Each structure stands twice: as C-alpha cells, then as structure tokens.
Amino acid sequence: MAIREIKMDPGKPLEVNVVSRSPHVLGYRVWTHTPQSTGPWQQVADGRTDDNVPDNALVPPLATGSSLAYWFGLGGNPGTQYRALLLLSQDGQMLNDGTIIEEGVTDANGFAVVERQVRFQ
C-alpha cells in the first residue's frame, strides 16, 4: 500500500487519537520521523483501548515532509470483522484525509496486525 500523503500546518502541534470501533482490543504504537533527522524514529504514543486510559497524544509541530508510522495489534474472536481508526487533527479540527480507517478480519487465532505510514505535506 502506498504511503498516505496528508497536508498539515508545520507550525502547529498534531493531535493523534486511536479508536477501536469493534469489540476487539486494540494495542497501538505511533512514531514520528522528521526529514532532517538521521536518528531513530521517535515513539509518541503507546497503549491499548481496554485500559480506560485516553488513547490520544499531542505531538510537537512537525516539519513538512515528516512521517508518522503506526502499528495496530488487534485481538478478539477468530474470523471476526475489526474496525480501527487513527484520527489526526490540529487545533481541534480534523485534517483533510486525517480520518484513517483500518478494517479487516482477524485470523484463525483472533489476531490481526496493521502497519502503515503517513507523510505530511
């Protein structure tokens, strides 16, 4: 799958929210990387949706050309439909194309993994 390109304001913090829209436990990790960095990706969020802790993070402003990567690990009943959302916003307003929907079916053991990347224009 191609890297999704999303337009954002490089002068404003990025709000990242993770939501499970199915009866599956969703574990997640989110990282960012700036174009001028030669170092490792920086983890900005890590959690799961079944722990009653808010599943959001505020990321400091990112330069144009920065990337965001996310990993979703879903668990539930085998062969069931899952739906998970990654929501990207600034100043409380969703970015255009900032609602990212991940859907699929868990495997025979009840698990699924999603790994994707976004680049900011």
N, C-alpha and C. Protein backbone atom coordinates (compact mmCIF):
# COMPACT_ATOMS: atom_id res chain seq x y z
N MET A 1 0.84 -1.18 0.00
CA MET A 1 0.00 0.00 0.00
C MET A 1 0.89 1.24 0.00
N ALA A 2 0.52 2.24 -0.77
CA ALA A 2 1.29 3.47 -0.87
C ALA A 2 1.22 4.26 0.44
N ILE A 3 2.23 5.08 0.65
CA ILE A 3 2.24 5.94 1.83
C ILE A 3 1.21 7.05 1.61
N ARG A 4 0.35 7.23 2.59
CA ARG A 4 -0.69 8.26 2.51
C ARG A 4 -0.05 9.63 2.72
N GLU A 5 -0.40 10.60 1.87
CA GLU A 5 0.09 11.97 1.98
C GLU A 5 -1.04 12.83 2.58
N ILE A 6 -0.71 13.58 3.63
CA ILE A 6 -1.70 14.43 4.30
C ILE A 6 -1.11 15.82 4.49
N LYS A 7 -1.91 16.82 4.18
CA LYS A 7 -1.49 18.21 4.34
C LYS A 7 -1.74 18.65 5.78
N MET A 8 -0.74 19.32 6.37
CA MET A 8 -0.88 19.82 7.73
C MET A 8 -0.13 21.15 7.86
N ASP A 9 -0.34 21.84 8.97
CA ASP A 9 0.35 23.08 9.27
C ASP A 9 1.60 22.75 10.08
N PRO A 10 2.81 22.95 9.54
CA PRO A 10 4.02 22.58 10.26
C PRO A 10 4.29 23.43 11.49
N GLY A 11 3.53 24.49 11.69
CA GLY A 11 3.72 25.35 12.85
C GLY A 11 2.85 25.00 14.04
N LYS A 12 2.03 23.97 13.90
CA LYS A 12 1.08 23.63 14.98
C LYS A 12 1.29 22.19 15.44
N PRO A 13 1.02 21.93 16.74
CA PRO A 13 1.09 20.54 17.22
C PRO A 13 0.06 19.66 16.51
N LEU A 14 0.35 18.38 16.48
CA LEU A 14 -0.52 17.39 15.86
C LEU A 14 -1.21 16.58 16.96
N GLU A 15 -2.51 16.45 16.86
CA GLU A 15 -3.27 15.63 17.81
C GLU A 15 -3.52 14.27 17.17
N VAL A 16 -3.15 13.22 17.87
CA VAL A 16 -3.29 11.84 17.39
C VAL A 16 -4.24 11.10 18.32
N ASN A 17 -5.30 10.52 17.77
CA ASN A 17 -6.25 9.74 18.55
C ASN A 17 -6.41 8.36 17.91
N VAL A 18 -6.50 7.35 18.77
CA VAL A 18 -6.68 5.97 18.31
C VAL A 18 -8.00 5.48 18.89
N VAL A 19 -8.84 4.86 18.03
CA VAL A 19 -10.17 4.43 18.44
C VAL A 19 -10.45 3.03 17.88
N SER A 20 -10.98 2.15 18.71
CA SER A 20 -11.47 0.85 18.25
C SER A 20 -12.97 0.97 18.05
N ARG A 21 -13.47 0.61 16.88
CA ARG A 21 -14.90 0.67 16.58
C ARG A 21 -15.50 -0.73 16.43
N SER A 22 -14.87 -1.70 17.07
CA SER A 22 -15.37 -3.07 17.06
C SER A 22 -15.04 -3.67 18.43
N PRO A 23 -15.61 -4.82 18.75
CA PRO A 23 -15.37 -5.40 20.08
C PRO A 23 -14.02 -6.11 20.20
N HIS A 24 -12.98 -5.50 19.67
CA HIS A 24 -11.63 -6.05 19.73
C HIS A 24 -10.76 -5.17 20.61
N VAL A 25 -9.82 -5.76 21.29
CA VAL A 25 -8.81 -4.99 21.99
C VAL A 25 -7.81 -4.52 20.94
N LEU A 26 -7.49 -3.25 21.00
CA LEU A 26 -6.57 -2.65 20.04
C LEU A 26 -5.34 -2.14 20.79
N GLY A 27 -4.20 -2.76 20.54
CA GLY A 27 -2.93 -2.25 21.03
C GLY A 27 -2.32 -1.42 19.92
N TYR A 28 -1.60 -0.36 20.28
CA TYR A 28 -1.06 0.51 19.25
C TYR A 28 0.27 1.13 19.69
N ARG A 29 1.03 1.52 18.68
CA ARG A 29 2.24 2.33 18.85
C ARG A 29 2.28 3.30 17.67
N VAL A 30 2.74 4.52 17.96
CA VAL A 30 2.84 5.56 16.93
C VAL A 30 4.21 6.22 17.04
N TRP A 31 4.86 6.41 15.89
CA TRP A 31 6.18 7.03 15.84
C TRP A 31 6.18 8.17 14.84
N THR A 32 7.11 9.12 15.02
CA THR A 32 7.31 10.18 14.03
C THR A 32 8.79 10.24 13.65
N HIS A 33 9.03 10.81 12.47
CA HIS A 33 10.39 10.99 11.98
C HIS A 33 10.41 12.25 11.12
N THR A 34 11.38 13.11 11.35
CA THR A 34 11.49 14.33 10.56
C THR A 34 12.51 14.15 9.45
N PRO A 35 12.35 14.88 8.33
CA PRO A 35 13.25 14.68 7.20
C PRO A 35 14.71 15.03 7.51
N GLN A 36 14.93 15.96 8.43
CA GLN A 36 16.30 16.35 8.74
C GLN A 36 16.97 15.44 9.77
N SER A 37 16.21 14.52 10.35
CA SER A 37 16.76 13.61 11.37
C SER A 37 17.47 12.43 10.72
N THR A 38 18.63 12.11 11.26
CA THR A 38 19.34 10.90 10.82
C THR A 38 19.23 9.82 11.90
N GLY A 39 18.56 10.17 12.99
CA GLY A 39 18.42 9.23 14.10
C GLY A 39 17.19 8.36 13.97
N PRO A 40 16.91 7.60 15.02
CA PRO A 40 15.76 6.69 15.00
C PRO A 40 14.43 7.44 15.04
N TRP A 41 13.38 6.72 14.68
CA TRP A 41 12.03 7.25 14.80
C TRP A 41 11.73 7.47 16.29
N GLN A 42 10.93 8.49 16.59
CA GLN A 42 10.57 8.82 17.97
C GLN A 42 9.17 8.29 18.29
N GLN A 43 9.06 7.46 19.31
CA GLN A 43 7.73 6.96 19.70
C GLN A 43 6.97 8.08 20.39
N VAL A 44 5.73 8.32 19.94
CA VAL A 44 4.92 9.40 20.51
C VAL A 44 3.65 8.89 21.18
N ALA A 45 3.30 7.63 20.97
CA ALA A 45 2.11 7.06 21.62
C ALA A 45 2.27 5.56 21.71
N ASP A 46 1.73 4.99 22.80
CA ASP A 46 1.82 3.55 23.05
C ASP A 46 0.70 3.23 24.03
N GLY A 47 -0.13 2.27 23.70
CA GLY A 47 -1.20 1.92 24.63
C GLY A 47 -2.12 0.86 24.08
N ARG A 48 -3.27 0.75 24.75
CA ARG A 48 -4.30 -0.19 24.29
C ARG A 48 -5.66 0.36 24.71
N THR A 49 -6.68 -0.05 24.00
CA THR A 49 -8.00 0.56 24.17
C THR A 49 -8.82 -0.04 25.31
N ASP A 50 -8.32 -1.07 25.98
CA ASP A 50 -9.12 -1.71 27.02
C ASP A 50 -8.70 -1.31 28.43
N ASP A 51 -7.89 -0.26 28.59
CA ASP A 51 -7.36 0.06 29.91
C ASP A 51 -7.93 1.33 30.55
N ASN A 52 -8.97 1.92 29.96
CA ASN A 52 -9.61 3.13 30.48
C ASN A 52 -8.66 4.31 30.60
N VAL A 53 -7.62 4.34 29.78
CA VAL A 53 -6.70 5.46 29.69
C VAL A 53 -6.93 6.12 28.33
N PRO A 54 -7.00 7.45 28.27
CA PRO A 54 -7.23 8.10 26.97
C PRO A 54 -6.20 7.67 25.92
N ASP A 55 -6.68 7.42 24.73
CA ASP A 55 -5.83 6.94 23.65
C ASP A 55 -5.54 8.07 22.68
N ASN A 56 -4.87 9.10 23.22
CA ASN A 56 -4.51 10.23 22.37
C ASN A 56 -3.14 10.76 22.79
N ALA A 57 -2.54 11.49 21.88
CA ALA A 57 -1.23 12.09 22.14
C ALA A 57 -1.16 13.43 21.43
N LEU A 58 -0.43 14.35 22.03
CA LEU A 58 -0.16 15.64 21.41
C LEU A 58 1.30 15.63 20.97
N VAL A 59 1.51 15.76 19.67
CA VAL A 59 2.85 15.69 19.08
C VAL A 59 3.30 17.11 18.77
N PRO A 60 4.51 17.50 19.20
CA PRO A 60 5.00 18.85 18.86
C PRO A 60 4.99 19.07 17.36
N PRO A 61 5.01 20.35 16.93
CA PRO A 61 4.98 20.64 15.49
C PRO A 61 6.03 19.83 14.72
N LEU A 62 5.62 19.37 13.54
CA LEU A 62 6.49 18.56 12.68
C LEU A 62 6.76 19.32 11.39
N ALA A 63 7.99 19.25 10.92
CA ALA A 63 8.36 19.91 9.67
C ALA A 63 7.65 19.26 8.49
N THR A 64 7.43 20.04 7.46
CA THR A 64 6.88 19.50 6.21
C THR A 64 7.80 18.37 5.74
N GLY A 65 7.22 17.28 5.28
CA GLY A 65 7.98 16.12 4.85
C GLY A 65 8.21 15.10 5.95
N SER A 66 7.75 15.41 7.17
CA SER A 66 7.87 14.45 8.27
C SER A 66 6.95 13.27 8.03
N SER A 67 7.25 12.18 8.71
CA SER A 67 6.44 10.97 8.59
C SER A 67 5.92 10.52 9.94
N LEU A 68 4.81 9.81 9.90
CA LEU A 68 4.21 9.19 11.07
C LEU A 68 3.97 7.73 10.70
N ALA A 69 4.39 6.82 11.55
CA ALA A 69 4.14 5.39 11.34
C ALA A 69 3.30 4.89 12.49
N TYR A 70 2.43 3.92 12.20
CA TYR A 70 1.64 3.33 13.27
C TYR A 70 1.53 1.83 13.11
N TRP A 71 1.42 1.19 14.26
CA TRP A 71 1.25 -0.26 14.36
C TRP A 71 0.02 -0.50 15.20
N PHE A 72 -0.92 -1.28 14.67
CA PHE A 72 -2.10 -1.71 15.41
C PHE A 72 -2.03 -3.23 15.55
N GLY A 73 -2.21 -3.72 16.76
CA GLY A 73 -2.36 -5.14 17.02
C GLY A 73 -3.74 -5.36 17.59
N LEU A 74 -4.57 -6.13 16.91
CA LEU A 74 -5.96 -6.32 17.32
C LEU A 74 -6.17 -7.76 17.76
N GLY A 75 -6.98 -7.91 18.81
CA GLY A 75 -7.29 -9.23 19.31
C GLY A 75 -8.77 -9.35 19.64
N GLY A 76 -9.34 -10.51 19.30
CA GLY A 76 -10.76 -10.77 19.56
C GLY A 76 -11.09 -12.18 19.14
N ASN A 77 -12.32 -12.41 18.80
CA ASN A 77 -12.74 -13.73 18.35
C ASN A 77 -12.17 -14.03 16.97
N PRO A 78 -11.85 -15.30 16.70
CA PRO A 78 -11.32 -15.68 15.39
C PRO A 78 -12.30 -15.36 14.26
N GLY A 79 -11.75 -14.90 13.14
CA GLY A 79 -12.56 -14.67 11.95
C GLY A 79 -13.61 -13.59 12.08
N THR A 80 -13.37 -12.59 12.92
CA THR A 80 -14.35 -11.52 13.09
C THR A 80 -13.86 -10.21 12.48
N GLN A 81 -14.79 -9.41 12.03
CA GLN A 81 -14.51 -8.12 11.39
C GLN A 81 -14.06 -7.11 12.44
N TYR A 82 -12.93 -6.44 12.19
CA TYR A 82 -12.48 -5.36 13.08
C TYR A 82 -12.52 -4.03 12.33
N ARG A 83 -12.56 -2.96 13.11
CA ARG A 83 -12.52 -1.60 12.57
C ARG A 83 -11.78 -0.74 13.58
N ALA A 84 -10.71 -0.11 13.15
CA ALA A 84 -9.91 0.76 14.00
C ALA A 84 -9.67 2.08 13.28
N LEU A 85 -9.59 3.16 14.04
CA LEU A 85 -9.40 4.49 13.45
C LEU A 85 -8.15 5.15 14.01
N LEU A 86 -7.43 5.84 13.16
CA LEU A 86 -6.37 6.75 13.54
C LEU A 86 -6.86 8.12 13.12
N LEU A 87 -7.02 9.03 14.07
CA LEU A 87 -7.57 10.36 13.79
C LEU A 87 -6.48 11.40 13.99
N LEU A 88 -6.23 12.22 12.98
CA LEU A 88 -5.19 13.24 13.01
C LEU A 88 -5.83 14.61 12.89
N SER A 89 -5.52 15.49 13.85
CA SER A 89 -6.12 16.82 13.85
C SER A 89 -5.12 17.86 14.35
N GLN A 90 -5.47 19.11 14.11
CA GLN A 90 -4.73 20.25 14.63
C GLN A 90 -5.74 21.29 15.08
N ASP A 91 -5.48 21.91 16.23
CA ASP A 91 -6.40 22.92 16.79
C ASP A 91 -7.83 22.39 16.91
N GLY A 92 -7.99 21.10 17.19
CA GLY A 92 -9.31 20.52 17.36
C GLY A 92 -10.06 20.27 16.06
N GLN A 93 -9.43 20.48 14.93
CA GLN A 93 -10.07 20.29 13.61
C GLN A 93 -9.39 19.13 12.90
N MET A 94 -10.19 18.20 12.39
CA MET A 94 -9.63 17.07 11.64
C MET A 94 -8.88 17.58 10.42
N LEU A 95 -7.74 16.97 10.16
CA LEU A 95 -7.01 17.28 8.93
C LEU A 95 -7.77 16.67 7.75
N ASN A 96 -7.67 17.30 6.58
CA ASN A 96 -8.23 16.68 5.38
C ASN A 96 -7.54 15.33 5.21
N ASP A 97 -8.30 14.29 5.02
CA ASP A 97 -7.79 12.92 4.93
C ASP A 97 -7.19 12.43 6.24
N GLY A 98 -7.49 13.10 7.36
CA GLY A 98 -6.94 12.74 8.66
C GLY A 98 -7.71 11.67 9.41
N THR A 99 -8.80 11.18 8.83
CA THR A 99 -9.52 10.05 9.41
C THR A 99 -9.09 8.81 8.65
N ILE A 100 -8.28 7.99 9.29
CA ILE A 100 -7.74 6.80 8.66
C ILE A 100 -8.45 5.59 9.24
N ILE A 101 -9.13 4.85 8.39
CA ILE A 101 -9.92 3.69 8.81
C ILE A 101 -9.20 2.42 8.41
N GLU A 102 -8.98 1.55 9.38
CA GLU A 102 -8.37 0.25 9.12
C GLU A 102 -9.42 -0.81 9.41
N GLU A 103 -9.73 -1.63 8.40
CA GLU A 103 -10.73 -2.68 8.55
C GLU A 103 -10.18 -3.99 8.02
N GLY A 104 -10.66 -5.06 8.58
CA GLY A 104 -10.25 -6.38 8.12
C GLY A 104 -10.89 -7.46 8.97
N VAL A 105 -10.34 -8.65 8.89
CA VAL A 105 -10.86 -9.81 9.61
C VAL A 105 -9.71 -10.43 10.40
N THR A 106 -9.97 -10.78 11.65
CA THR A 106 -8.94 -11.43 12.45
C THR A 106 -8.67 -12.83 11.91
N ASP A 107 -7.47 -13.33 12.19
CA ASP A 107 -7.09 -14.65 11.69
C ASP A 107 -7.73 -15.77 12.53
N ALA A 108 -7.34 -17.01 12.28
CA ALA A 108 -7.92 -18.17 12.97
C ALA A 108 -7.65 -18.16 14.47
N ASN A 109 -6.66 -17.37 14.90
CA ASN A 109 -6.36 -17.24 16.33
C ASN A 109 -6.99 -16.00 16.95
N GLY A 110 -7.67 -15.19 16.12
CA GLY A 110 -8.33 -13.99 16.63
C GLY A 110 -7.47 -12.74 16.62
N PHE A 111 -6.38 -12.75 15.83
CA PHE A 111 -5.47 -11.61 15.82
C PHE A 111 -5.34 -11.00 14.42
N ALA A 112 -4.94 -9.73 14.41
CA ALA A 112 -4.64 -9.02 13.16
C ALA A 112 -3.60 -7.95 13.48
N VAL A 113 -2.76 -7.64 12.51
CA VAL A 113 -1.75 -6.60 12.65
C VAL A 113 -1.85 -5.66 11.45
N VAL A 114 -1.77 -4.36 11.72
CA VAL A 114 -1.76 -3.33 10.68
C VAL A 114 -0.53 -2.46 10.91
N GLU A 115 0.25 -2.25 9.87
CA GLU A 115 1.40 -1.35 9.92
C GLU A 115 1.35 -0.43 8.71
N ARG A 116 1.32 0.88 8.98
CA ARG A 116 1.21 1.84 7.88
C ARG A 116 2.04 3.08 8.19
N GLN A 117 2.14 3.92 7.16
CA GLN A 117 2.91 5.15 7.29
C GLN A 117 2.17 6.30 6.60
N VAL A 118 2.33 7.49 7.15
CA VAL A 118 1.75 8.73 6.62
C VAL A 118 2.89 9.73 6.44
N ARG A 119 2.86 10.50 5.37
CA ARG A 119 3.83 11.57 5.18
C ARG A 119 3.06 12.89 5.14
N PHE A 120 3.60 13.89 5.83
CA PHE A 120 2.93 15.19 5.89
C PHE A 120 3.52 16.17 4.89
N GLN A 121 2.61 16.82 4.17
CA GLN A 121 2.99 17.83 3.17
C GLN A 121 2.93 19.20 3.80
